C-alpha atoms as a PDB file:
ATOM      1  CA  MET A   1     -13.222  -3.203  -6.803  1.00  0.00           C
ATOM      2  CA  ARG A   2     -12.224  -2.881  -3.161  1.00  0.00           C
ATOM      3  CA  SER A   3      -9.721  -0.179  -2.232  1.00  0.00           C
ATOM      4  CA  TYR A   4      -8.049   0.758   1.040  1.00  0.00           C
ATOM      5  CA  SER A   5      -6.756   3.866   2.787  1.00  0.00           C
ATOM      6  CA  VAL A   6      -3.038   4.507   3.118  1.00  0.00           C
ATOM      7  CA  ALA A   7      -3.169   3.743   6.866  1.00  0.00           C
ATOM      8  CA  VAL A   8      -4.863   0.363   6.399  1.00  0.00           C
ATOM      9  CA  SER A   9      -2.598  -0.478   3.449  1.00  0.00           C
ATOM     10  CA  ALA A  10       0.549   0.403   5.384  1.00  0.00           C
ATOM     11  CA  PHE A  11      -0.488  -1.837   8.269  1.00  0.00           C
ATOM     12  CA  ALA A  12      -1.353  -4.664   5.874  1.00  0.00           C
ATOM     13  CA  ILE A  13       2.051  -4.623   4.147  1.00  0.00           C
ATOM     14  CA  GLY A  14       4.040  -4.137   7.347  1.00  0.00           C
ATOM     15  CA  ALA A  15       5.250  -0.627   6.561  1.00  0.00           C
ATOM     16  CA  SER A  16       4.934   2.718   8.248  1.00  0.00           C
ATOM     17  CA  ARG A  17       2.385   5.105   6.841  1.00  0.00           C
ATOM     18  CA  LYS A  18       5.204   7.562   6.073  1.00  0.00           C
ATOM     19  CA  TRP A  19       7.133   4.917   4.095  1.00  0.00           C
ATOM     20  CA  LEU A  20       4.063   4.076   2.010  1.00  0.00           C
ATOM     21  CA  ASP A  21       3.165   7.732   1.486  1.00  0.00           C
ATOM     22  CA  ASN A  22       6.704   8.422   0.268  1.00  0.00           C
ATOM     23  CA  VAL A  23       6.609   5.465  -2.139  1.00  0.00           C
ATOM     24  CA  LEU A  24       3.260   6.602  -3.535  1.00  0.00           C
ATOM     25  CA  SER A  25       4.557  10.158  -3.930  1.00  0.00           C
ATOM     26  CA  HIS A  26       7.907   9.375  -5.551  1.00  0.00           C
ATOM     27  CA  PHE A  27       7.157   6.435  -7.841  1.00  0.00           C
ATOM     28  CA  THR A  28       4.610   5.726 -10.540  1.00  0.00           C
ATOM     29  CA  ILE A  29       2.656   2.686  -9.414  1.00  0.00           C
ATOM     30  CA  PRO A  30      -0.074   1.080 -11.536  1.00  0.00           C
ATOM     31  CA  GLY A  31      -3.505   1.646 -10.018  1.00  0.00           C
ATOM     32  CA  ILE A  32      -2.599   4.816  -8.122  1.00  0.00           C
ATOM     33  CA  ALA A  33      -4.105   7.959  -9.615  1.00  0.00           C
ATOM     34  CA  VAL A  34      -2.272  11.240  -9.193  1.00  0.00           C
ATOM     35  CA  GLU A  35      -4.620  13.515  -7.298  1.00  0.00           C
ATOM     36  CA  LYS A  36      -4.342  17.076  -6.145  1.00  0.00           C
ATOM     37  CA  ARG A  37      -3.654  17.925  -2.519  1.00  0.00           C
ATOM     38  CA  GLY A  38      -6.333  17.158   0.023  1.00  0.00           C
ATOM     39  CA  VAL A  39      -7.705  14.092  -1.766  1.00  0.00           C
ATOM     40  CA  ALA A  40      -7.234  10.921   0.275  1.00  0.00           C
ATOM     41  CA  ARG A  41      -5.459   8.198  -1.671  1.00  0.00           C
ATOM     42  CA  ARG A  42      -7.239   4.891  -2.158  1.00  0.00           C
ATOM     43  CA  ILE A  43      -5.225   1.777  -2.973  1.00  0.00           C
ATOM     44  CA  PRO A  44      -6.924  -0.957  -5.028  1.00  0.00           C
ATOM     45  CA  HIS A  45      -6.378  -4.566  -3.957  1.00  0.00           C
ATOM     46  CA  ALA A  46      -4.245  -5.488  -6.997  1.00  0.00           C
ATOM     47  CA  THR A  47      -1.962  -2.521  -6.286  1.00  0.00           C
ATOM     48  CA  LEU A  48      -1.773  -3.531  -2.635  1.00  0.00           C
ATOM     49  CA  VAL A  49      -0.497  -6.975  -3.677  1.00  0.00           C
ATOM     50  CA  HIS A  50       2.137  -5.242  -5.835  1.00  0.00           C
ATOM     51  CA  LEU A  51       3.169  -3.023  -2.902  1.00  0.00           C
ATOM     52  CA  ALA A  52       3.259  -5.966  -0.463  1.00  0.00           C
ATOM     53  CA  LEU A  53       5.554  -7.928  -2.774  1.00  0.00           C
ATOM     54  CA  ALA A  54       7.780  -4.886  -3.371  1.00  0.00           C
ATOM     55  CA  ARG A  55       7.958  -4.219   0.376  1.00  0.00           C
ATOM     56  CA  GLU A  56       9.029  -7.809   1.015  1.00  0.00           C
ATOM     57  CA  LEU A  57      11.687  -7.623  -1.706  1.00  0.00           C
ATOM     58  CA  HIS A  58      12.890  -4.301  -0.289  1.00  0.00           C
ATOM     59  CA  THR A  59      13.190  -5.526   3.301  1.00  0.00           C
ATOM     60  CA  SER A  60      14.160  -9.186   2.800  1.00  0.00           C
ATOM     61  CA  LEU A  61      16.640  -8.762  -0.053  1.00  0.00           C
ATOM     62  CA  ALA A  62      17.788  -5.228   0.810  1.00  0.00           C
ATOM     63  CA  MET A  63      16.792  -4.004  -2.647  1.00  0.00           C
ATOM     64  CA  GLY A  64      16.235  -0.356  -3.396  1.00  0.00           C
ATOM     65  CA  VAL A  65      12.566   0.614  -3.573  1.00  0.00           C
ATOM     66  CA  ARG A  66      12.716   1.404  -7.300  1.00  0.00           C
ATOM     67  CA  GLU A  67      14.255  -2.004  -8.090  1.00  0.00           C
ATOM     68  CA  ALA A  68      11.845  -3.800  -5.751  1.00  0.00           C
ATOM     69  CA  LEU A  69       8.839  -2.167  -7.431  1.00  0.00           C
ATOM     70  CA  GLN A  70      10.147  -3.168 -10.877  1.00  0.00           C
ATOM     71  CA  LEU A  71      10.912  -6.756  -9.846  1.00  0.00           C
ATOM     72  CA  ALA A  72       7.500  -7.030  -8.173  1.00  0.00           C
ATOM     73  CA  SER A  73       5.896  -5.850 -11.404  1.00  0.00           C
ATOM     74  CA  ASP A  74       7.899  -8.415 -13.396  1.00  0.00           C
ATOM     75  CA  LEU A  75       6.983 -11.228 -10.973  1.00  0.00           C
ATOM     76  CA  LEU A  76       3.289 -10.323 -11.090  1.00  0.00           C
ATOM     77  CA  ALA A  77       3.338 -10.373 -14.900  1.00  0.00           C
ATOM     78  CA  ALA A  78       5.438 -13.527 -15.242  1.00  0.00           C
ATOM     79  CA  GLU A  79       3.908 -16.872 -16.106  1.00  0.00           C
ATOM     80  CA  GLY A  80       4.012 -18.984 -12.954  1.00  0.00           C
ATOM     81  CA  GLY A  81       5.618 -16.173 -10.953  1.00  0.00           C
ATOM     82  CA  VAL A  82       9.153 -16.988 -12.137  1.00  0.00           C
ATOM     83  CA  VAL A  83      11.567 -14.383 -13.530  1.00  0.00           C
ATOM     84  CA  PRO A  84      15.043 -15.153 -14.910  1.00  0.00           C
ATOM     85  CA  ALA A  85      17.708 -13.283 -12.931  1.00  0.00           C
ATOM     86  CA  GLY A  86      20.652 -13.944 -15.228  1.00  0.00           C
ATOM     87  CA  GLY A  87      22.814 -16.981 -15.669  1.00  0.00           C
ATOM     88  CA  HIS A  88      21.427 -19.988 -13.846  1.00  0.00           C
ATOM     89  CA  LEU A  89      19.345 -17.974 -11.401  1.00  0.00           C
ATOM     90  CA  ARG A  90      15.583 -17.580 -11.346  1.00  0.00           C
ATOM     91  CA  ILE A  91      13.480 -15.600  -8.895  1.00  0.00           C
ATOM     92  CA  THR A  92      10.178 -17.100  -7.849  1.00  0.00           C
ATOM     93  CA  TRP A  93       7.537 -16.238  -5.280  1.00  0.00           C
ATOM     94  CA  ASP A  94       4.568 -17.878  -3.591  1.00  0.00           C
ATOM     95  CA  ARG A  95       1.578 -15.744  -4.574  1.00  0.00           C
ATOM     96  CA  MET A  96      -0.927 -17.812  -2.614  1.00  0.00           C
ATOM     97  CA  THR A  97       0.948 -17.438   0.686  1.00  0.00           C
ATOM     98  CA  LEU A  98       1.423 -13.696   0.202  1.00  0.00           C
ATOM     99  CA  GLU A  99      -2.276 -13.214  -0.627  1.00  0.00           C
ATOM    100  CA  VAL A 100      -3.436 -15.275   2.377  1.00  0.00           C
ATOM    101  CA  GLU A 101      -1.170 -13.344   4.769  1.00  0.00           C
ATOM    102  CA  LEU A 102      -2.190 -10.037   3.207  1.00  0.00           C
ATOM    103  CA  SER A 103      -5.880 -10.911   3.568  1.00  0.00           C
ATOM    104  CA  GLN A 104      -5.392 -11.753   7.249  1.00  0.00           C
ATOM    105  CA  ARG A 105      -3.556  -8.490   7.920  1.00  0.00           C
ATOM    106  CA  LEU A 106      -6.252  -6.562   6.043  1.00  0.00           C
ATOM    107  CA  ARG A 107      -8.943  -8.152   8.225  1.00  0.00           C
ATOM    108  CA  ASP A 108      -6.978  -7.155  11.321  1.00  0.00           C
ATOM    109  CA  ALA A 109      -6.388  -3.633  10.031  1.00  0.00           C
ATOM    110  CA  LEU A 110     -10.012  -3.086   9.041  1.00  0.00           C
ATOM    111  CA  GLU A 111     -11.196  -4.361  12.398  1.00  0.00           C
ATOM    112  CA  PHE A 112      -8.941  -2.154  14.503  1.00  0.00           C
ATOM    113  CA  ALA A 113      -8.099   0.892  12.374  1.00  0.00           C
ATOM    114  CA  PRO A 114     -10.257   3.939  13.042  1.00  0.00           C
ATOM    115  CA  MET A 115     -11.755   5.648  10.029  1.00  0.00           C
ATOM    116  CA  PRO A 116      -9.946   8.950   9.517  1.00  0.00           C
ATOM    117  CA  ARG A 117     -12.143  12.036   9.896  1.00  0.00           C
ATOM    118  CA  ARG A 118     -12.215  14.309   6.878  1.00  0.00           C
ATOM    119  CA  GLY A 119     -12.961  18.002   6.642  1.00  0.00           C
ATOM    120  CA  ARG A 120     -12.833  20.800   9.167  1.00  0.00           C
ATOM    121  CA  PRO A 121     -13.017  20.019  12.853  1.00  0.00           C
ATOM    122  CA  ALA A 122     -16.248  20.956  14.606  1.00  0.00           C
ATOM    123  CA  ARG A 123     -16.307  24.377  16.225  1.00  0.00           C
ATOM    124  CA  THR A 124     -16.093  24.390  19.984  1.00  0.00           C
ATOM    125  CA  GLY A 125     -16.614  26.907  22.719  1.00  0.00           C
ATOM    126  CA  ALA A 126     -16.708  30.650  22.195  1.00  0.00           C
ATOM    127  CA  ARG A 127     -19.324  31.095  19.485  1.00  0.00           C
ATOM    128  CA  THR A 128     -22.517  29.119  19.771  1.00  0.00           C
ATOM    129  CA  GLY A 129     -24.780  31.546  17.966  1.00  0.00           C
ATOM    130  CA  ASN A 130     -26.800  32.341  21.112  1.00  0.00           C
ATOM    131  CA  SER A 131     -26.636  35.954  22.226  1.00  0.00           C
ATOM    132  CA  GLU A 132     -28.253  36.441  25.576  1.00  0.00           C
END
């Protein structure tokens, strides 16, 4: 299964990297493993769809992040993408449109985003190992 870095995922869902990092740190999200420090997070595609929908609910409907994540989860699990919202109201979403737009943004992000370097930076200057 394809997975993406936090930087690519943030670009794809229209969020800052800090916003996405905070969401991943403070909430339990299906598909995100809790790792120790220093391990780069990878976000599976299905989880990215969940995050994209939650981000849209958060920004478009001014929902809190916790509520947006829960509603996104309910919408993803619902038959036909429709969830009753009480009384005569139902919430629905267009999965196909979201997935097409997400795929386009992922292509753009993967084309332009540099791969982050991992590990210690290379040594420069003073010590080269040659003593003359």
